Protein backbone atom coordinates (compact mmCIF):
# COMPACT_ATOMS: atom_id res chain seq x y z
CA MET A 1 16.33 1.74 -19.04
CA LYS A 2 16.29 3.12 -15.48
CA ASP A 3 20.00 4.06 -15.70
CA ASP A 4 19.42 5.84 -19.01
CA GLN A 5 16.60 7.86 -17.47
CA ILE A 6 18.72 8.72 -14.44
CA ASN A 7 21.61 9.82 -16.65
CA SER A 8 19.23 11.93 -18.70
CA ASP A 9 17.90 13.56 -15.55
CA LEU A 10 21.45 14.24 -14.41
CA GLU A 11 22.28 15.94 -17.70
CA GLU A 12 19.17 18.11 -17.47
CA CYS A 13 20.20 19.05 -13.95
CA SER A 14 23.78 20.00 -14.84
CA SER A 15 23.06 23.67 -14.20
CA CYS A 16 22.33 22.80 -10.57
CA SER A 17 25.70 21.09 -10.30
CA GLU A 18 27.45 24.10 -11.81
CA ALA A 19 25.73 26.38 -9.34
CA ARG A 20 27.26 24.35 -6.57
CA GLY A 21 30.66 24.24 -8.22
CA SER A 22 30.82 20.46 -8.34
CA VAL A 23 29.35 17.47 -10.11
CA ILE A 24 26.90 15.54 -7.96
CA SER A 25 26.89 11.77 -7.85
CA ARG A 26 23.95 9.68 -8.92
CA ARG A 27 23.34 8.59 -5.32
CA LYS A 28 23.35 12.18 -4.08
CA PHE A 29 21.04 13.20 -6.90
CA LEU A 30 18.53 10.51 -6.00
CA GLY A 31 18.89 11.21 -2.32
CA ARG A 32 18.06 14.86 -2.80
CA GLY A 33 14.46 13.84 -3.52
CA ALA A 34 14.05 12.96 0.16
CA LEU A 35 16.11 15.75 1.79
CA ALA A 36 15.60 19.49 2.11
CA VAL A 37 19.02 21.11 1.63
CA GLY A 38 20.43 24.56 2.19
CA ALA A 39 20.01 26.91 5.12
CA ALA A 40 18.12 29.28 2.84
CA GLY A 41 15.41 26.58 2.71
CA ALA A 42 14.18 23.92 0.36
CA THR A 43 10.50 24.10 -0.36
CA VAL A 44 8.41 21.10 -1.18
CA ALA A 45 4.99 21.76 -2.69
CA ALA A 46 2.85 18.66 -2.81
CA THR A 47 -0.23 18.57 -4.99
CA GLY A 48 -1.96 15.38 -6.08
CA GLY A 49 0.63 12.63 -6.18
CA LEU A 50 3.79 14.68 -6.85
CA GLY A 51 5.87 17.12 -4.85
CA LEU A 52 8.04 19.76 -6.57
CA LEU A 53 11.46 20.16 -4.96
CA THR A 54 13.22 23.52 -5.36
CA ASN A 55 16.68 24.05 -3.89
CA SER A 56 18.12 27.40 -2.81
CA PHE A 57 21.90 27.23 -2.50
CA ALA A 58 23.88 29.35 -0.08
CA GLY A 59 25.62 32.22 -1.84
CA ALA A 60 23.61 31.98 -5.04
CA THR A 61 22.29 35.31 -6.29
CA THR A 62 19.35 33.70 -8.11
CA PRO A 63 17.62 30.38 -7.39
CA PRO A 64 18.79 27.55 -9.64
CA PRO A 65 16.28 25.76 -11.86
CA THR A 66 14.16 22.94 -10.49
CA CYS A 67 16.21 19.75 -10.20
CA ALA A 68 13.69 16.99 -9.78
CA THR A 69 10.18 15.93 -8.90
CA VAL A 70 9.65 13.50 -6.07
CA PRO A 71 6.63 11.43 -5.07
CA GLY A 72 4.45 13.07 -2.47
CA THR A 73 3.26 10.88 0.39
CA VAL A 74 -0.11 11.53 1.96
CA LYS A 75 -1.13 8.77 4.32
CA HIS A 76 -4.71 8.19 5.35
CA PRO A 77 -4.78 5.76 8.29
CA ARG A 78 -7.82 3.54 8.66
CA GLY A 79 -10.75 5.40 10.12
CA THR A 80 -9.67 8.75 8.67
CA TRP A 81 -10.89 8.32 5.09
CA GLY A 82 -14.28 9.67 5.97
CA TYR A 83 -17.74 8.13 6.01
CA PRO A 84 -21.16 9.79 5.83
CA THR A 85 -22.59 10.63 9.25
CA GLY A 86 -25.88 8.97 8.41
CA GLY A 87 -24.15 6.07 6.69
CA LEU A 88 -24.66 4.79 3.14
CA ASP A 89 -27.81 3.24 1.72
CA PRO A 90 -27.01 -0.50 1.61
CA ALA A 91 -29.62 -1.09 -1.12
CA VAL A 92 -27.99 1.50 -3.40
CA CYS A 93 -24.53 -0.01 -2.88
CA ALA A 94 -25.87 -3.54 -3.36
CA GLU A 95 -27.58 -2.69 -6.65
CA ARG A 96 -24.41 -1.03 -7.91
CA ALA A 97 -22.35 -4.07 -6.90
CA TYR A 98 -24.77 -6.42 -8.67
CA HIS A 99 -24.37 -4.60 -11.99
CA LYS A 100 -20.61 -4.09 -11.58
CA PHE A 101 -20.09 -7.84 -11.29
CA PHE A 102 -20.47 -8.24 -15.05
CA THR A 103 -17.43 -6.00 -15.68
CA LEU A 104 -15.36 -6.14 -12.47
CA PHE A 105 -16.23 -9.66 -11.23
CA CYS A 106 -17.06 -10.39 -7.61
CA CYS A 107 -14.25 -8.72 -5.63
CA GLY A 108 -14.20 -5.59 -7.77
CA ALA A 109 -17.99 -5.43 -7.73
CA VAL A 110 -18.22 -5.31 -3.93
CA MET A 111 -15.38 -2.78 -3.79
CA ASP A 112 -16.97 -0.54 -6.41
CA GLY A 113 -20.42 -0.88 -4.91
CA ILE A 114 -19.15 0.79 -1.74
CA ILE A 115 -15.91 2.60 -2.62
CA GLY A 116 -17.37 3.80 -5.91
CA THR A 117 -20.36 5.25 -4.07
CA LEU A 118 -18.02 7.01 -1.63
CA GLN A 119 -16.04 8.40 -4.56
CA GLU A 120 -19.21 10.07 -5.80
CA THR A 121 -20.45 11.24 -2.40
CA LEU A 122 -17.24 12.19 -0.56
CA GLY A 123 -14.56 12.42 -3.26
CA SER A 124 -10.95 12.37 -2.02
CA PRO A 125 -9.20 10.25 -0.85
CA TYR A 126 -11.53 7.60 -2.27
CA THR A 127 -11.09 9.01 -5.76
CA ASN A 128 -7.44 7.91 -5.60
CA ILE A 129 -8.58 4.28 -5.78
CA ASP A 130 -9.15 2.67 -9.17
CA THR A 131 -11.61 -0.12 -8.43
CA ASN A 132 -10.63 -1.85 -11.68
CA MET A 133 -7.48 -3.05 -9.90
CA PHE A 134 -9.59 -5.41 -7.81
CA LYS A 135 -10.73 -7.55 -10.74
CA PHE A 136 -7.90 -9.91 -9.75
CA GLY A 137 -10.04 -11.18 -6.86
CA GLY A 138 -12.62 -12.72 -9.18
CA ALA A 139 -13.41 -16.45 -8.95
CA GLY A 140 -11.33 -16.99 -5.85
CA ILE A 141 -8.42 -14.75 -6.97
CA ASN A 142 -7.78 -14.99 -10.68
CA GLY A 143 -9.86 -18.14 -11.02
CA TRP A 144 -7.99 -20.16 -8.38
CA GLY A 145 -11.15 -20.91 -6.39
CA THR A 146 -9.73 -19.82 -3.04
CA VAL A 147 -11.48 -17.23 -0.84
CA CYS A 148 -14.62 -15.92 -2.54
CA GLY A 149 -14.01 -12.55 -4.15
CA THR A 150 -17.11 -11.08 -2.49
CA ALA A 151 -15.68 -11.87 0.96
CA LEU A 152 -12.28 -10.54 -0.11
CA GLY A 153 -13.80 -7.33 -1.46
CA ALA A 154 -15.79 -6.86 1.73
CA ALA A 155 -12.67 -7.37 3.86
CA LEU A 156 -10.65 -4.89 1.80
CA THR A 157 -13.43 -2.34 2.08
CA THR A 158 -13.86 -2.52 5.85
CA ASN A 159 -10.12 -2.35 6.41
CA ILE A 160 -9.76 0.73 4.22
CA ILE A 161 -12.64 2.58 5.84
CA ALA A 162 -12.73 1.53 9.51
CA GLY A 163 -10.15 2.30 12.12
CA VAL A 164 -8.98 1.08 15.51
CA ASP A 165 -10.97 2.04 18.58
CA GLY A 166 -8.73 1.55 21.59
CA THR A 167 -7.71 -2.09 21.48
CA VAL A 168 -10.46 -3.08 19.01
CA ASP A 169 -9.42 -3.39 15.36
CA ASN A 170 -12.77 -2.64 13.75
CA GLY A 171 -11.67 -3.28 10.18
CA SER A 172 -10.36 -6.74 11.01
CA ALA A 173 -13.32 -7.54 13.25
CA MET A 174 -15.80 -6.64 10.50
CA SER A 175 -13.90 -8.61 7.88
CA ASN A 176 -14.02 -11.65 10.19
CA ASP A 177 -17.76 -11.15 10.65
CA LEU A 178 -18.29 -10.92 6.91
CA MET A 179 -16.35 -14.13 6.27
CA ALA A 180 -18.45 -15.92 8.90
CA TYR A 181 -21.68 -14.38 7.58
CA TYR A 182 -20.81 -15.60 4.09
CA ALA A 183 -20.25 -19.15 5.34
CA ALA A 184 -23.35 -19.31 7.58
CA THR A 185 -26.01 -17.73 5.35
CA ALA A 186 -28.17 -19.21 2.61
CA MET A 187 -27.11 -17.15 -0.40
CA PRO A 188 -27.67 -15.18 -2.47
CA VAL A 189 -29.97 -12.96 -0.42
CA TYR A 190 -30.08 -9.79 -2.50
CA VAL A 191 -32.67 -9.48 -5.27
CA PRO A 192 -31.71 -6.85 -7.86
CA VAL A 193 -34.10 -4.05 -8.68
CA SER A 194 -33.14 -4.30 -12.34
CA SER A 195 -32.01 -7.81 -13.28
CA GLU A 196 -29.61 -8.35 -16.17
CA TYR A 197 -30.40 -12.04 -16.48
CA THR A 198 -32.75 -11.94 -19.48
CA THR A 199 -30.82 -9.21 -21.29
CA ARG A 200 -27.75 -11.44 -21.10
CA GLY A 201 -29.56 -14.39 -22.67
CA GLY A 202 -31.00 -16.18 -19.66
CA THR A 203 -34.30 -18.01 -20.09
CA CYS A 204 -34.80 -20.10 -16.93
CA PRO A 205 -38.02 -18.96 -15.16
CA ALA A 206 -36.50 -19.42 -11.69
CA PHE A 207 -33.87 -16.75 -12.41
CA GLN A 208 -36.21 -14.18 -13.89
CA PRO A 209 -37.92 -11.50 -11.78
CA GLY A 210 -40.42 -13.16 -9.49
CA GLY A 211 -38.82 -16.58 -9.83
CA THR A 212 -37.80 -18.87 -6.99
CA PHE A 213 -34.06 -18.28 -7.06
CA PRO A 214 -32.05 -21.24 -5.69
CA THR A 215 -29.84 -20.66 -2.66
CA SER A 216 -27.30 -22.67 -0.70
CA THR A 217 -25.31 -22.39 2.51
CA ALA A 218 -21.61 -22.82 1.82
CA VAL A 219 -20.42 -23.43 5.42
CA SER A 220 -17.15 -22.20 3.92
CA PRO A 221 -15.71 -18.94 2.56
CA LEU A 222 -14.00 -20.77 -0.30
CA CYS A 223 -15.11 -20.02 -3.85
CA HIS A 224 -14.92 -23.57 -5.19
CA VAL A 225 -16.81 -25.05 -2.23
CA SER A 226 -19.47 -22.36 -2.28
CA THR A 227 -19.98 -22.44 -6.05
CA ASN A 228 -20.15 -26.24 -6.26
CA LYS A 229 -22.67 -26.46 -3.43
CA TRP A 230 -24.83 -23.82 -5.08
CA MET A 231 -24.72 -25.51 -8.50
CA LYS A 232 -25.70 -28.80 -6.90
CA ALA A 233 -28.63 -27.12 -5.16
CA ALA A 234 -29.66 -25.25 -8.30
CA ASN A 235 -29.55 -28.35 -10.51
CA SER A 236 -31.66 -30.32 -8.05
CA ALA A 237 -34.34 -27.64 -7.79
CA PRO A 238 -37.66 -28.96 -9.13
CA VAL A 239 -38.66 -25.59 -10.61
CA HIS A 240 -36.27 -25.94 -13.55
CA PRO A 241 -35.50 -29.62 -14.23
CA SER A 242 -34.70 -29.02 -17.89
CA TYR A 243 -31.73 -26.73 -17.13
CA THR A 244 -28.24 -27.95 -16.37
CA ILE A 245 -26.25 -25.21 -14.69
CA VAL A 246 -22.48 -25.27 -15.05
CA SER A 247 -19.80 -22.83 -13.95
CA GLY A 248 -19.75 -20.87 -17.19
CA SER A 249 -23.51 -20.48 -17.54
CA ILE A 250 -25.37 -17.20 -17.21
CA GLU A 251 -27.26 -18.73 -14.27
CA ARG A 252 -24.06 -19.15 -12.27
CA LYS A 253 -23.00 -15.61 -13.21
CA GLU A 254 -26.37 -14.27 -12.10
CA ARG A 255 -25.88 -16.04 -8.80
CA CYS A 256 -22.45 -14.48 -8.26
CA ALA A 257 -23.75 -11.05 -9.26
CA ARG A 258 -26.50 -11.35 -6.64
CA LEU A 259 -23.92 -12.64 -4.18
CA SER A 260 -21.88 -9.48 -4.82
CA GLY A 261 -24.95 -7.41 -4.02
CA THR A 262 -25.58 -9.47 -0.89
CA MET A 263 -22.08 -8.95 0.51
CA ALA A 264 -22.03 -5.25 -0.39
CA TYR A 265 -25.34 -4.83 1.44
CA LYS A 266 -24.14 -6.56 4.60
CA THR A 267 -20.80 -4.72 4.53
CA VAL A 268 -22.58 -1.36 4.45
CA GLU A 269 -24.82 -2.43 7.31
CA LEU A 270 -21.75 -3.16 9.46
CA LEU A 271 -20.02 0.08 8.42
CA ASN A 272 -23.14 2.08 9.22
CA ALA A 273 -23.28 0.49 12.68
CA TRP A 274 -19.58 1.27 13.16
CA LYS A 275 -20.15 4.90 12.23
CA ALA A 276 -23.13 5.11 14.59
CA GLY A 277 -21.12 3.54 17.43
CA THR A 278 -23.39 0.50 17.69
CA TYR A 279 -21.25 -2.14 15.99
CA THR A 280 -20.43 -5.29 17.96
CA SER A 281 -18.41 -8.16 16.54
CA GLY A 282 -18.75 -11.93 16.57
CA ALA A 283 -22.33 -12.36 15.43
CA TRP A 284 -21.58 -15.32 13.14
CA GLY A 285 -18.56 -16.92 14.78
CA GLY A 286 -15.01 -17.19 13.50
CA PRO A 287 -12.48 -19.50 11.88
CA GLY A 288 -11.72 -23.02 13.02
CA VAL A 289 -8.58 -25.07 13.56
CA GLY A 290 -7.13 -26.96 10.62
CA ASN A 291 -5.35 -29.83 12.39
CA PRO A 292 -3.99 -30.88 15.79
CA GLY A 293 -1.04 -28.58 15.17
CA GLY A 294 -3.39 -25.60 15.21
CA SER A 295 -2.79 -24.16 11.73
CA PRO A 296 -5.15 -21.39 10.58
CA ALA A 297 -8.20 -22.73 8.78
CA GLN A 298 -11.73 -22.00 7.71
CA ASN A 299 -14.51 -22.96 10.08
CA ASN A 300 -15.34 -26.18 8.22
CA CYS A 301 -12.48 -28.21 6.79
CA SER A 302 -14.42 -31.43 6.36
CA ASP A 303 -15.72 -30.43 2.92
CA CYS A 304 -12.24 -30.96 1.52
CA HIS A 305 -10.39 -32.91 4.20
CA THR A 306 -10.90 -35.77 6.60
CA PRO A 307 -12.01 -34.29 9.95
CA VAL A 308 -9.13 -33.89 12.39
């Protein structure tokens, strides 16, 4: 299919070859997308995602027709994407993330809660990101139960937005903080302004507005550890003994939606501090050591493995 397209493009560009008095090879044709040729000057106009390449050949009385379009490359290093001087409102981003969970799942929800807000407030380059692409991070990456999608979405967000200040990698430092915060905090923290629990069929009083919502501390950034600990805590709560909460229940989904809001809120708090120049890292610790060989690991391996 690719060869057929290339051959078609070559046929359409035959007038360029005639203007040069020779037939160009496929390799030269493809290579021309990256090179400006001719002393008279090749001009590349880049708008959006495409650049238009026009060649002027020496000795030609009139410019030949356009030969090809080539991808335009506009790089935005971390820290140069832009961020509001006064920061974002973490409550606004958290509420957006909570509601987005039900369509984008946890990773996409955190991303859209923050990146989506920046798309509406700052525009480009954030508008080049389709937050739907981050649905893959849901349930520990496509349901594999590995790193929680809210922590993953938070890490992606800080590393897109924040830059490097001297020898300090702010994006990486914040993503470490957010992983540690996730593991060390009784969650979920965020309470939505407008809950979707009852509209989605939920009836448990503890999960309705004003209820005593169950929380748990994961001591781990892993989805399956965190979710199982929360379900155990929720099912043992005396306020709703007649409910059995399982992974597919609306109660578990409500928990993860609120968790998305929680992590979006904390991420914005760190980004706001970074923008204000007051951010310091290491508030909640860091990862541990997996075994005597020193392999990378979460800060608590004993949930799944014999302590080493």
